[in-house]
């Protein structure tokens, strides 16, 4: 689902990708920036799916979800949150194209247009899997 929605976001061209996308790491636990040039679309699709499943989600919750394990050498590994800036910019760009909106209780939620897009893509994937 995430790959299909990421392809949809890229194909429509509505999602505005920042200039710094090819330079930035997605968290302190990473050594390098992502190799995939379309990683921003994939992250946006992942965030949209996460908010679609769990209603009110903020930047902190997304940082925990996209976080990972930091290698501390001979010391035990620990969980580290992902970059808040990347997740915040993804949320802002999804808000700008009308997929998400601010919620009064805090966090963000899916708009009706965003719900319709996600439902349509889920239905096409379900139909394709039924044909196979």
N, C-alpha and C. Protein backbone atom coordinates (compact mmCIF):
# COMPACT_ATOMS: atom_id res chain seq x y z
N UNK A 1 0.82 -1.20 0.00
CA UNK A 1 0.00 0.00 0.00
C UNK A 1 0.86 1.26 0.00
N UNK A 2 1.92 1.22 0.81
CA UNK A 2 2.77 2.41 0.92
C UNK A 2 3.46 2.70 -0.42
N UNK A 3 3.94 1.66 -1.09
CA UNK A 3 4.59 1.86 -2.40
C UNK A 3 3.60 2.42 -3.42
N UNK A 4 2.37 1.90 -3.40
CA UNK A 4 1.36 2.36 -4.35
C UNK A 4 0.99 3.82 -4.09
N UNK A 5 0.83 4.19 -2.82
CA UNK A 5 0.47 5.57 -2.51
C UNK A 5 1.64 6.52 -2.79
N UNK A 6 2.87 6.05 -2.54
CA UNK A 6 4.04 6.87 -2.86
C UNK A 6 4.13 7.11 -4.36
N UNK A 7 3.85 6.08 -5.15
CA UNK A 7 3.85 6.24 -6.61
C UNK A 7 2.76 7.20 -7.05
N UNK A 8 1.61 7.15 -6.39
CA UNK A 8 0.51 8.07 -6.70
C UNK A 8 0.92 9.51 -6.38
N UNK A 9 1.55 9.72 -5.21
CA UNK A 9 1.99 11.07 -4.84
C UNK A 9 3.01 11.61 -5.83
N UNK A 10 3.91 10.76 -6.28
CA UNK A 10 4.93 11.20 -7.24
C UNK A 10 4.30 11.48 -8.60
N UNK A 11 3.38 10.61 -9.01
CA UNK A 11 2.75 10.74 -10.33
C UNK A 11 1.91 12.01 -10.41
N UNK A 12 1.17 12.34 -9.35
CA UNK A 12 0.33 13.54 -9.39
C UNK A 12 1.16 14.81 -9.35
N UNK A 13 2.32 14.77 -8.69
CA UNK A 13 3.20 15.93 -8.66
C UNK A 13 2.75 17.04 -7.74
N UNK A 14 1.75 16.78 -6.91
CA UNK A 14 1.25 17.82 -5.99
C UNK A 14 2.17 17.99 -4.78
N UNK A 15 2.76 16.89 -4.33
CA UNK A 15 3.58 16.93 -3.12
C UNK A 15 4.87 17.69 -3.40
N UNK A 16 5.09 18.74 -2.63
CA UNK A 16 6.28 19.57 -2.81
C UNK A 16 7.44 18.98 -2.01
N UNK A 17 8.51 18.61 -2.71
CA UNK A 17 9.67 17.98 -2.06
C UNK A 17 10.70 19.07 -1.76
N UNK A 18 11.17 19.18 -0.51
CA UNK A 18 12.17 20.20 -0.17
C UNK A 18 13.49 19.98 -0.90
N UNK A 19 14.29 21.04 -0.98
CA UNK A 19 15.58 20.96 -1.68
C UNK A 19 16.59 20.11 -0.93
N UNK A 20 16.48 20.04 0.39
CA UNK A 20 17.48 19.37 1.22
C UNK A 20 17.30 17.86 1.29
N UNK A 21 16.35 17.31 0.55
CA UNK A 21 16.00 15.90 0.66
C UNK A 21 17.18 14.97 0.38
N UNK A 22 18.03 15.30 -0.57
CA UNK A 22 19.14 14.41 -0.91
C UNK A 22 20.33 14.54 0.03
N UNK A 23 20.28 15.46 0.98
CA UNK A 23 21.42 15.69 1.87
C UNK A 23 21.21 15.19 3.29
N UNK A 24 19.97 15.05 3.72
CA UNK A 24 19.67 14.88 5.14
C UNK A 24 19.56 13.40 5.53
N UNK A 25 19.99 13.11 6.77
CA UNK A 25 19.75 11.79 7.36
C UNK A 25 18.34 11.80 7.96
N UNK A 26 17.75 10.62 8.10
CA UNK A 26 16.39 10.56 8.66
C UNK A 26 16.40 10.36 10.16
N UNK A 27 17.57 10.22 10.77
CA UNK A 27 17.66 10.08 12.21
C UNK A 27 19.11 10.05 12.65
N UNK A 28 19.33 10.27 13.95
CA UNK A 28 20.70 10.27 14.46
C UNK A 28 21.30 8.88 14.46
N UNK A 29 20.47 7.84 14.42
CA UNK A 29 20.95 6.47 14.43
C UNK A 29 21.42 6.00 13.06
N UNK A 30 21.23 6.82 12.03
CA UNK A 30 21.65 6.48 10.67
C UNK A 30 23.05 7.05 10.41
N UNK A 31 23.80 6.34 9.57
CA UNK A 31 25.12 6.85 9.19
C UNK A 31 25.05 7.66 7.91
N UNK A 32 24.14 7.30 7.00
CA UNK A 32 24.05 7.96 5.70
C UNK A 32 22.61 8.38 5.41
N UNK A 33 22.48 9.25 4.42
CA UNK A 33 21.15 9.62 3.94
C UNK A 33 20.58 8.44 3.15
N UNK A 34 19.26 8.39 2.95
CA UNK A 34 18.67 7.27 2.20
C UNK A 34 19.19 7.21 0.76
N UNK A 35 19.37 5.99 0.27
CA UNK A 35 19.84 5.78 -1.10
C UNK A 35 18.74 6.02 -2.12
N UNK A 36 17.51 5.71 -1.76
CA UNK A 36 16.38 5.83 -2.68
C UNK A 36 16.08 7.31 -2.93
N UNK A 37 16.10 7.76 -4.18
CA UNK A 37 15.81 9.17 -4.44
C UNK A 37 14.35 9.55 -4.14
N UNK A 38 13.46 8.56 -4.07
CA UNK A 38 12.04 8.83 -3.81
C UNK A 38 11.67 8.58 -2.35
N UNK A 39 12.64 8.60 -1.44
CA UNK A 39 12.35 8.26 -0.05
C UNK A 39 11.36 9.23 0.58
N UNK A 40 11.33 10.47 0.14
CA UNK A 40 10.42 11.45 0.73
C UNK A 40 8.97 11.08 0.44
N UNK A 41 8.71 10.60 -0.78
CA UNK A 41 7.36 10.15 -1.13
C UNK A 41 6.96 8.93 -0.30
N UNK A 42 7.92 8.02 -0.09
CA UNK A 42 7.65 6.81 0.69
C UNK A 42 7.36 7.18 2.15
N UNK A 43 8.12 8.12 2.70
CA UNK A 43 7.88 8.56 4.08
C UNK A 43 6.51 9.25 4.18
N UNK A 44 6.17 10.06 3.18
CA UNK A 44 4.87 10.73 3.19
C UNK A 44 3.73 9.71 3.14
N UNK A 45 3.89 8.68 2.32
CA UNK A 45 2.87 7.62 2.23
C UNK A 45 2.78 6.86 3.54
N UNK A 46 3.92 6.61 4.17
CA UNK A 46 3.94 5.89 5.44
C UNK A 46 3.25 6.71 6.53
N UNK A 47 3.51 8.00 6.55
CA UNK A 47 2.89 8.89 7.54
C UNK A 47 1.38 8.96 7.30
N UNK A 48 0.97 9.09 6.03
CA UNK A 48 -0.46 9.16 5.72
C UNK A 48 -1.16 7.87 6.14
N UNK A 49 -0.55 6.72 5.89
CA UNK A 49 -1.14 5.44 6.29
C UNK A 49 -1.24 5.33 7.80
N UNK A 50 -0.19 5.77 8.50
CA UNK A 50 -0.19 5.70 9.96
C UNK A 50 -1.31 6.55 10.56
N UNK A 51 -1.50 7.75 10.02
CA UNK A 51 -2.54 8.63 10.53
C UNK A 51 -3.92 8.12 10.10
N UNK A 52 -3.99 7.44 8.95
CA UNK A 52 -5.24 6.83 8.48
C UNK A 52 -5.70 5.75 9.46
N UNK A 53 -4.75 4.98 9.99
CA UNK A 53 -5.07 3.89 10.91
C UNK A 53 -5.32 4.41 12.32
N UNK A 54 -4.43 5.28 12.83
CA UNK A 54 -4.58 5.85 14.18
C UNK A 54 -4.87 7.33 14.01
N UNK A 55 -6.00 7.76 14.48
CA UNK A 55 -6.49 9.10 14.14
C UNK A 55 -5.53 10.24 14.50
N UNK A 56 -5.55 10.76 15.70
CA UNK A 56 -4.76 11.95 16.04
C UNK A 56 -3.32 11.57 16.32
N UNK A 57 -2.42 11.97 15.43
CA UNK A 57 -1.01 11.65 15.58
C UNK A 57 -0.21 12.93 15.42
N UNK A 58 0.77 13.12 16.30
CA UNK A 58 1.64 14.28 16.22
C UNK A 58 3.03 13.90 15.77
N UNK A 59 3.91 14.87 15.78
CA UNK A 59 5.29 14.65 15.32
C UNK A 59 6.02 13.68 16.24
N UNK A 60 5.82 13.80 17.55
CA UNK A 60 6.52 12.94 18.51
C UNK A 60 6.20 11.47 18.31
N UNK A 61 4.93 11.16 18.07
CA UNK A 61 4.54 9.76 17.85
C UNK A 61 5.17 9.22 16.57
N UNK A 62 5.23 10.05 15.53
CA UNK A 62 5.84 9.61 14.27
C UNK A 62 7.34 9.42 14.44
N UNK A 63 7.97 10.25 15.28
CA UNK A 63 9.40 10.08 15.54
C UNK A 63 9.67 8.72 16.18
N UNK A 64 8.80 8.31 17.09
CA UNK A 64 8.96 7.00 17.73
C UNK A 64 8.78 5.87 16.73
N UNK A 65 7.78 5.99 15.87
CA UNK A 65 7.48 4.94 14.89
C UNK A 65 8.62 4.77 13.90
N UNK A 66 9.16 5.88 13.40
CA UNK A 66 10.21 5.82 12.39
C UNK A 66 11.61 5.78 12.99
N UNK A 67 11.70 5.68 14.31
CA UNK A 67 13.00 5.59 14.97
C UNK A 67 13.64 4.23 14.77
N UNK A 68 14.81 4.06 15.34
CA UNK A 68 15.52 2.80 15.19
C UNK A 68 16.52 2.60 16.30
N UNK A 69 17.36 1.60 16.13
CA UNK A 69 18.34 1.24 17.14
C UNK A 69 19.68 1.89 16.81
N UNK A 70 20.27 2.53 17.80
CA UNK A 70 21.58 3.15 17.60
C UNK A 70 22.65 2.15 18.05
N UNK A 71 23.67 2.01 17.23
CA UNK A 71 24.80 1.13 17.54
C UNK A 71 25.78 1.94 18.38
N UNK A 72 25.98 1.53 19.63
CA UNK A 72 26.86 2.28 20.52
C UNK A 72 28.17 1.55 20.76
N UNK A 73 28.61 0.79 19.81
CA UNK A 73 29.88 0.08 19.95
C UNK A 73 29.73 -1.11 20.87
N UNK A 74 30.59 -1.20 21.90
CA UNK A 74 30.54 -2.33 22.82
C UNK A 74 29.45 -2.16 23.88
N UNK A 75 28.88 -0.98 23.96
CA UNK A 75 27.80 -0.75 24.92
C UNK A 75 26.47 -1.25 24.34
N UNK A 76 25.47 -1.51 25.17
CA UNK A 76 24.19 -2.01 24.67
C UNK A 76 23.50 -1.00 23.75
N UNK A 77 22.80 -1.51 22.76
CA UNK A 77 22.07 -0.65 21.84
C UNK A 77 20.81 -0.10 22.51
N UNK A 78 20.35 1.04 22.02
CA UNK A 78 19.15 1.69 22.55
C UNK A 78 18.30 2.19 21.40
N UNK A 79 17.00 2.33 21.68
CA UNK A 79 16.09 2.91 20.69
C UNK A 79 16.28 4.43 20.68
N UNK A 80 16.31 5.00 19.48
CA UNK A 80 16.44 6.44 19.31
C UNK A 80 15.34 6.89 18.36
N UNK A 81 14.72 8.03 18.65
CA UNK A 81 13.67 8.55 17.79
C UNK A 81 14.25 9.06 16.48
N UNK A 82 13.41 9.11 15.45
CA UNK A 82 13.80 9.63 14.15
C UNK A 82 13.86 11.16 14.19
N UNK A 83 14.27 11.74 13.09
CA UNK A 83 14.39 13.19 12.99
C UNK A 83 13.00 13.84 13.02
N UNK A 84 12.83 14.76 13.95
CA UNK A 84 11.55 15.46 14.05
C UNK A 84 11.34 16.44 12.92
N UNK A 85 12.42 17.00 12.41
CA UNK A 85 12.31 17.97 11.33
C UNK A 85 11.77 17.32 10.06
N UNK A 86 12.26 16.13 9.74
CA UNK A 86 11.80 15.43 8.53
C UNK A 86 10.31 15.12 8.66
N UNK A 87 9.90 14.56 9.79
CA UNK A 87 8.49 14.21 9.97
C UNK A 87 7.60 15.45 9.98
N UNK A 88 8.09 16.53 10.57
CA UNK A 88 7.31 17.78 10.61
C UNK A 88 7.11 18.32 9.19
N UNK A 89 8.16 18.31 8.39
CA UNK A 89 8.06 18.81 7.01
C UNK A 89 7.15 17.92 6.17
N UNK A 90 7.18 16.60 6.40
CA UNK A 90 6.29 15.69 5.69
C UNK A 90 4.84 16.01 6.05
N UNK A 91 4.57 16.21 7.34
CA UNK A 91 3.21 16.55 7.76
C UNK A 91 2.75 17.87 7.14
N UNK A 92 3.65 18.85 7.11
CA UNK A 92 3.29 20.15 6.55
C UNK A 92 3.01 20.05 5.05
N UNK A 93 3.81 19.25 4.33
CA UNK A 93 3.58 19.13 2.89
C UNK A 93 2.31 18.34 2.60
N UNK A 94 1.98 17.33 3.43
CA UNK A 94 0.72 16.61 3.26
C UNK A 94 -0.47 17.50 3.61
N UNK A 95 -0.28 18.40 4.57
CA UNK A 95 -1.32 19.38 4.90
C UNK A 95 -1.55 20.33 3.73
N UNK A 96 -0.46 20.73 3.09
CA UNK A 96 -0.54 21.70 2.00
C UNK A 96 -1.33 21.16 0.81
N UNK A 97 -1.22 19.84 0.55
CA UNK A 97 -1.96 19.26 -0.58
C UNK A 97 -3.36 18.78 -0.18
N UNK A 98 -3.72 18.95 1.09
CA UNK A 98 -5.08 18.68 1.52
C UNK A 98 -5.35 17.26 1.98
N UNK A 99 -4.31 16.47 2.26
CA UNK A 99 -4.51 15.11 2.74
C UNK A 99 -4.72 15.12 4.25
N UNK A 100 -4.02 15.99 4.96
CA UNK A 100 -4.13 16.08 6.42
C UNK A 100 -4.64 17.46 6.82
N UNK A 101 -5.11 17.53 8.08
CA UNK A 101 -5.50 18.81 8.65
C UNK A 101 -5.19 18.79 10.14
N UNK A 102 -5.03 19.97 10.73
CA UNK A 102 -4.79 20.07 12.17
C UNK A 102 -6.04 19.64 12.92
N UNK A 103 -5.85 18.97 14.04
CA UNK A 103 -6.98 18.56 14.86
C UNK A 103 -7.05 19.47 16.09
N UNK A 104 -8.25 19.74 16.56
CA UNK A 104 -8.41 20.62 17.72
C UNK A 104 -7.80 20.02 18.98
N UNK A 105 -7.84 18.69 19.09
CA UNK A 105 -7.31 18.01 20.27
C UNK A 105 -5.78 17.91 20.24
N UNK A 106 -5.18 18.25 19.14
CA UNK A 106 -3.73 18.13 18.99
C UNK A 106 -3.41 17.08 17.95
N UNK A 107 -2.29 17.25 17.30
CA UNK A 107 -1.90 16.32 16.25
C UNK A 107 -2.59 16.64 14.94
N UNK A 108 -2.58 15.67 14.04
CA UNK A 108 -3.21 15.86 12.74
C UNK A 108 -4.10 14.67 12.42
N UNK A 109 -5.04 14.91 11.51
CA UNK A 109 -5.93 13.83 11.10
C UNK A 109 -6.17 13.92 9.60
N UNK A 110 -6.73 12.86 9.03
CA UNK A 110 -6.97 12.77 7.59
C UNK A 110 -8.20 13.61 7.23
N UNK A 111 -8.12 14.33 6.11
CA UNK A 111 -9.27 15.07 5.61
C UNK A 111 -10.16 14.11 4.81
N UNK A 112 -11.32 14.59 4.40
CA UNK A 112 -12.21 13.75 3.59
C UNK A 112 -11.58 13.44 2.23
N UNK A 113 -10.92 14.43 1.63
CA UNK A 113 -10.25 14.19 0.34
C UNK A 113 -9.13 13.17 0.50
N UNK A 114 -8.36 13.30 1.57
CA UNK A 114 -7.29 12.34 1.82
C UNK A 114 -7.83 10.94 2.06
N UNK A 115 -8.93 10.86 2.80
CA UNK A 115 -9.58 9.56 3.06
C UNK A 115 -10.02 8.93 1.75
N UNK A 116 -10.58 9.74 0.86
CA UNK A 116 -11.06 9.25 -0.43
C UNK A 116 -9.90 8.71 -1.27
N UNK A 117 -8.79 9.45 -1.31
CA UNK A 117 -7.62 8.99 -2.07
C UNK A 117 -7.09 7.67 -1.53
N UNK A 118 -6.93 7.59 -0.21
CA UNK A 118 -6.40 6.38 0.41
C UNK A 118 -7.34 5.19 0.22
N UNK A 119 -8.65 5.43 0.33
CA UNK A 119 -9.62 4.35 0.10
C UNK A 119 -9.57 3.86 -1.34
N UNK A 120 -9.45 4.79 -2.28
CA UNK A 120 -9.42 4.42 -3.70
C UNK A 120 -8.19 3.56 -4.01
N UNK A 121 -7.05 3.94 -3.48
CA UNK A 121 -5.83 3.17 -3.72
C UNK A 121 -5.92 1.80 -3.05
N UNK A 122 -6.48 1.75 -1.85
CA UNK A 122 -6.65 0.46 -1.16
C UNK A 122 -7.59 -0.45 -1.94
N UNK A 123 -8.65 0.11 -2.52
CA UNK A 123 -9.58 -0.70 -3.31
C UNK A 123 -8.92 -1.24 -4.57
N UNK A 124 -8.13 -0.42 -5.26
CA UNK A 124 -7.46 -0.91 -6.48
C UNK A 124 -6.48 -2.03 -6.14
N UNK A 125 -5.78 -1.91 -5.01
CA UNK A 125 -4.86 -2.96 -4.60
C UNK A 125 -5.61 -4.23 -4.22
N UNK A 126 -6.77 -4.08 -3.58
CA UNK A 126 -7.57 -5.25 -3.21
C UNK A 126 -8.11 -5.95 -4.45
N UNK A 127 -8.53 -5.17 -5.44
CA UNK A 127 -9.03 -5.76 -6.69
C UNK A 127 -7.93 -6.49 -7.43
N UNK A 128 -6.72 -5.92 -7.44
CA UNK A 128 -5.59 -6.58 -8.11
C UNK A 128 -5.23 -7.89 -7.42
N UNK A 129 -5.29 -7.92 -6.09
CA UNK A 129 -4.95 -9.15 -5.38
C UNK A 129 -6.04 -10.21 -5.56
N UNK A 130 -7.30 -9.80 -5.75
CA UNK A 130 -8.38 -10.75 -6.01
C UNK A 130 -8.24 -11.40 -7.38
N UNK A 131 -7.74 -10.64 -8.36
CA UNK A 131 -7.57 -11.18 -9.71
C UNK A 131 -6.47 -12.23 -9.77
N UNK A 132 -5.49 -12.14 -8.90
CA UNK A 132 -4.36 -13.08 -8.94
C UNK A 132 -4.67 -14.40 -8.35
